[in-house]
Amino acid sequence: MVVALPAVHDAFDLPRTELAARALRYAEEAEPPVIFRHSVRSYLFARALADHHGMKAGADFDDELMFLGCVLHDLGLSEQGNGHQRFEVDGADLAARFLREQGVDEEAVTVVWDAIALHTSEGIASRKGPEIALAHAGITVDVLGRGKELLPDGFADHVHAAFPRADLAYAITDVILRQVLDDPAKAGPLSFPGQLLRSHVPAGTLPDWHDLIDAAGWGDRPTTVRPDGPRDERAAESR
């Protein structure tokens, strides 16, 4: 499904700058349709959340930068963006390259890079600048539904009618898994992609936190009860 962009602009009043139009087209051409539609929905939800919180474009946040952060945030799940880093960073790097080619200044590129690289980083993105925090919130609403109760009545239905979900949450999980199963180096054991990979490989294949401590070579031993093993003798002796 190719989105009729002029109609979308009219229906939802998307940013009408030349840069925004180029970014939208770039994402549409690069990404699978289900992911492209998710990217646009994320912006629409982010903008609605900004309205809910009384935030005004141009005064409290840069609407174009928020748009870029949302629309480009999953470039790492495109064929072009599939490198050897976790998909969030691959996507941020590709988006930054695209923006530099458009003559965007480095300060703006940094905001968009952060919005993309941190979009799965719960508790971090929300503490960054408004464009980054709003992009994270809009993306989270679309994937997990967190905060959807703050949207205007009927707004989500309107957005979904224009940009059908097509089981987005599972579809995007499948794309991430295909990438990391082909290249496990993209799924660090403590990362979001690593968490997805862990449930699709034999137990023990991907190290957990305690495995990483044991492999560090410093000889650290547990001092409290561990859920996966007995209490260390030193802890017992201290009682």
Protein backbone atom coordinates (compact mmCIF):
# COMPACT_ATOMS: atom_id res chain seq x y z
CA MET A 1 0.00 0.00 0.00
CA VAL A 2 1.44 3.34 -1.08
CA VAL A 3 0.03 6.22 0.93
CA ALA A 4 -1.48 9.06 -1.08
CA LEU A 5 0.60 11.76 0.55
CA PRO A 6 -1.34 14.86 -0.58
CA ALA A 7 -4.53 13.38 0.86
CA VAL A 8 -2.75 12.52 4.10
CA HIS A 9 -1.41 16.05 4.41
CA ASP A 10 -4.92 17.44 3.96
CA ALA A 11 -6.55 15.01 6.40
CA PHE A 12 -4.03 15.36 9.22
CA ASP A 13 -2.22 18.62 8.52
CA LEU A 14 1.26 17.09 8.51
CA PRO A 15 4.24 19.46 8.45
CA ARG A 16 4.45 20.96 4.98
CA THR A 17 8.12 21.90 4.81
CA GLU A 18 10.20 20.56 1.94
CA LEU A 19 12.37 18.63 4.40
CA ALA A 20 9.35 16.97 6.01
CA ALA A 21 7.99 15.95 2.60
CA ARG A 22 11.34 14.46 1.56
CA ALA A 23 11.68 12.57 4.84
CA LEU A 24 8.17 11.15 4.53
CA ARG A 25 8.83 9.96 1.00
CA TYR A 26 12.22 8.56 2.00
CA ALA A 27 10.69 6.51 4.81
CA GLU A 28 7.84 5.30 2.60
CA GLU A 29 10.24 4.10 -0.09
CA ALA A 30 12.68 2.49 2.36
CA GLU A 31 10.41 0.72 4.86
CA PRO A 32 7.89 -2.11 4.65
CA PRO A 33 4.41 -0.56 4.47
CA VAL A 34 3.37 -1.82 7.91
CA ILE A 35 6.36 -0.06 9.49
CA PHE A 36 5.94 3.13 7.47
CA ARG A 37 2.32 3.43 8.59
CA HIS A 38 3.44 2.88 12.20
CA SER A 39 5.96 5.70 11.83
CA VAL A 40 3.31 8.17 10.66
CA ARG A 41 0.83 7.07 13.34
CA SER A 42 3.54 7.62 15.94
CA TYR A 43 3.84 11.25 14.91
CA LEU A 44 0.09 11.78 14.95
CA PHE A 45 -0.17 10.28 18.42
CA ALA A 46 2.84 12.29 19.63
CA ARG A 47 1.25 15.51 18.42
CA ALA A 48 -2.06 14.62 20.08
CA LEU A 49 -0.23 13.95 23.35
CA ALA A 50 1.50 17.31 23.06
CA ASP A 51 -1.93 18.93 22.69
CA HIS A 52 -3.19 17.03 25.72
CA HIS A 53 -0.33 18.39 27.82
CA GLY A 54 -0.87 21.93 26.55
CA MET A 55 2.38 21.99 24.57
CA LYS A 56 2.44 24.29 21.57
CA ALA A 57 4.45 23.71 18.41
CA GLY A 58 6.97 26.49 17.87
CA ALA A 59 6.90 27.48 21.53
CA ASP A 60 7.36 24.27 23.51
CA PHE A 61 8.76 21.99 20.82
CA ASP A 62 9.91 21.96 17.21
CA ASP A 63 7.17 20.16 15.29
CA GLU A 64 9.34 19.44 12.27
CA LEU A 65 12.04 17.80 14.39
CA MET A 66 9.46 15.72 16.23
CA PHE A 67 8.02 14.70 12.87
CA LEU A 68 11.45 13.69 11.58
CA GLY A 69 12.19 11.69 14.73
CA CYS A 70 8.92 9.78 14.39
CA VAL A 71 8.80 9.25 10.64
CA LEU A 72 12.43 8.11 10.43
CA HIS A 73 12.61 6.20 13.71
CA ASP A 74 12.45 2.68 12.24
CA LEU A 75 14.81 3.09 9.29
CA GLY A 76 16.97 0.47 11.00
CA LEU A 77 14.31 -2.10 10.12
CA SER A 78 14.57 -1.34 6.41
CA GLU A 79 16.83 -3.30 4.08
CA GLN A 80 18.91 -0.19 3.52
CA GLY A 81 19.27 0.44 7.25
CA ASN A 82 20.08 -3.12 8.32
CA GLY A 83 23.69 -2.86 9.48
CA HIS A 84 25.59 -4.56 12.29
CA GLN A 85 24.39 -2.51 15.25
CA ARG A 86 21.15 -2.73 17.20
CA PHE A 87 18.41 -1.54 14.87
CA GLU A 88 17.76 1.67 16.80
CA VAL A 89 21.35 2.84 16.26
CA ASP A 90 21.50 1.65 12.65
CA GLY A 91 18.34 3.65 12.00
CA ALA A 92 19.64 6.74 13.78
CA ASP A 93 22.84 6.66 11.76
CA LEU A 94 20.97 6.29 8.46
CA ALA A 95 18.57 9.10 9.37
CA ALA A 96 21.50 11.35 10.29
CA ARG A 97 23.15 10.66 6.95
CA PHE A 98 19.92 11.46 5.12
CA LEU A 99 19.46 14.71 7.03
CA ARG A 100 23.04 15.83 6.42
CA GLU A 101 22.53 15.21 2.71
CA GLN A 102 19.57 17.60 2.94
CA GLY A 103 21.76 20.29 4.48
CA VAL A 104 20.30 20.03 8.00
CA ASP A 105 22.49 21.57 10.72
CA GLU A 106 24.22 19.34 13.24
CA GLU A 107 22.22 20.52 16.23
CA ALA A 108 18.99 19.38 14.58
CA VAL A 109 20.60 16.15 13.36
CA THR A 110 21.61 15.37 16.95
CA VAL A 111 18.04 15.81 18.20
CA VAL A 112 16.69 13.43 15.57
CA TRP A 113 19.52 10.95 16.15
CA ASP A 114 18.72 10.87 19.87
CA ALA A 115 14.99 10.49 19.23
CA ILE A 116 15.62 7.45 17.05
CA ALA A 117 18.45 5.81 18.99
CA LEU A 118 16.57 6.16 22.29
CA HIS A 119 13.05 5.33 21.16
CA THR A 120 13.05 1.95 22.95
CA SER A 121 14.86 3.32 26.02
CA GLU A 122 12.16 3.58 28.64
CA GLY A 123 12.96 6.04 31.39
CA ILE A 124 15.66 7.78 29.35
CA ALA A 125 13.95 9.19 26.26
CA SER A 126 11.26 10.76 28.43
CA ARG A 127 13.93 12.78 30.27
CA LYS A 128 15.47 14.23 27.13
CA GLY A 129 14.33 17.25 25.09
CA PRO A 130 10.64 17.66 24.20
CA GLU A 131 10.95 16.39 20.63
CA ILE A 132 12.67 13.23 21.85
CA ALA A 133 10.26 12.66 24.73
CA LEU A 134 7.18 13.25 22.57
CA ALA A 135 8.44 10.96 19.81
CA HIS A 136 9.04 8.23 22.39
CA ALA A 137 5.56 8.72 23.82
CA GLY A 138 3.88 8.59 20.42
CA ILE A 139 5.79 5.48 19.39
CA THR A 140 4.94 3.79 22.69
CA VAL A 141 1.24 4.56 22.29
CA ASP A 142 1.22 2.98 18.86
CA VAL A 143 3.09 -0.20 19.80
CA LEU A 144 1.97 -0.88 23.37
CA GLY A 145 -1.05 1.38 23.84
CA ARG A 146 0.47 3.11 26.86
CA GLY A 147 -1.08 6.56 27.11
CA LYS A 148 -3.83 5.95 24.56
CA GLU A 149 -6.40 7.04 27.14
CA LEU A 150 -4.98 10.56 26.76
CA LEU A 151 -5.88 10.74 23.06
CA PRO A 152 -9.04 12.59 21.99
CA ASP A 153 -12.14 10.41 21.70
CA GLY A 154 -12.24 8.68 18.34
CA PHE A 155 -8.84 9.98 17.25
CA ALA A 156 -7.14 6.58 17.22
CA ASP A 157 -9.96 5.13 15.13
CA HIS A 158 -9.53 7.96 12.63
CA VAL A 159 -5.78 7.40 12.45
CA HIS A 160 -6.13 3.64 12.10
CA ALA A 161 -8.65 4.05 9.29
CA ALA A 162 -6.08 6.04 7.33
CA PHE A 163 -3.09 3.94 8.40
CA PRO A 164 -4.25 0.35 9.14
CA ARG A 165 -2.28 -1.47 11.85
CA ALA A 166 -1.96 -4.86 10.11
CA ASP A 167 -0.99 -6.42 13.47
CA LEU A 168 1.85 -3.93 13.83
CA ALA A 169 3.21 -5.06 17.21
CA TYR A 170 3.72 -8.62 16.01
CA ALA A 171 4.80 -7.58 12.52
CA ILE A 172 7.56 -5.32 13.85
CA THR A 173 8.67 -8.02 16.28
CA ASP A 174 9.05 -10.42 13.35
CA VAL A 175 11.20 -7.93 11.41
CA ILE A 176 13.49 -7.37 14.39
CA LEU A 177 13.79 -11.11 14.96
CA ARG A 178 14.67 -11.79 11.33
CA GLN A 179 17.50 -9.29 11.60
CA VAL A 180 18.95 -10.59 14.86
CA LEU A 181 18.61 -14.25 13.95
CA ASP A 182 20.67 -13.49 10.83
CA ASP A 183 23.15 -11.41 12.84
CA PRO A 184 23.06 -12.01 16.62
CA ALA A 185 25.67 -9.26 17.05
CA LYS A 186 22.75 -6.83 16.55
CA ALA A 187 21.15 -8.13 19.74
CA GLY A 188 23.28 -7.29 22.76
CA PRO A 189 22.10 -9.43 25.69
CA LEU A 190 20.87 -6.41 27.68
CA SER A 191 19.21 -4.63 24.74
CA PHE A 192 15.59 -4.68 23.55
CA PRO A 193 16.51 -6.76 20.48
CA GLY A 194 18.40 -9.08 22.81
CA GLN A 195 15.29 -9.62 24.90
CA LEU A 196 13.36 -10.61 21.79
CA LEU A 197 16.12 -12.93 20.65
CA ARG A 198 16.38 -14.64 24.03
CA SER A 199 12.95 -16.25 23.69
CA HIS A 200 13.77 -17.65 20.23
CA VAL A 201 17.07 -19.41 20.90
CA PRO A 202 17.88 -22.40 23.15
CA ALA A 203 18.14 -21.59 26.86
CA GLY A 204 21.61 -20.41 27.78
CA THR A 205 22.52 -19.32 24.25
CA LEU A 206 22.32 -15.64 25.08
CA PRO A 207 24.04 -14.67 28.36
CA ASP A 208 22.07 -12.93 31.07
CA TRP A 209 23.38 -10.33 33.52
CA HIS A 210 24.82 -12.89 35.93
CA ASP A 211 26.55 -14.71 33.07
CA LEU A 212 28.21 -11.43 32.08
CA ILE A 213 29.40 -10.87 35.65
CA ASP A 214 30.85 -14.38 35.80
CA ALA A 215 32.61 -13.86 32.46
CA ALA A 216 34.18 -10.57 33.53
CA GLY A 217 37.13 -12.35 35.12
CA TRP A 218 37.23 -10.25 38.29
CA GLY A 219 36.17 -13.09 40.55
CA ASP A 220 33.16 -11.26 41.99
CA ARG A 221 30.89 -13.54 44.02
CA PRO A 222 27.25 -13.03 45.03
CA THR A 223 26.68 -11.62 48.51
CA THR A 224 22.90 -12.11 48.67
CA VAL A 225 20.37 -14.75 47.72
CA ARG A 226 20.26 -15.33 43.97
CA PRO A 227 17.01 -16.55 42.41
CA ASP A 228 18.94 -19.04 40.26
CA GLY A 229 21.24 -20.50 42.87
CA PRO A 230 22.17 -20.97 46.55
CA ARG A 231 23.11 -18.17 48.89
CA ASP A 232 26.80 -17.39 48.96
CA GLU A 233 28.65 -18.75 52.01
CA ARG A 234 29.87 -15.27 52.98
CA ALA A 235 26.31 -14.04 53.23
CA ALA A 236 25.41 -16.99 55.44
CA GLU A 237 28.42 -16.41 57.68
CA SER A 238 27.50 -12.76 58.23
CA ARG A 239 24.20 -13.68 59.89
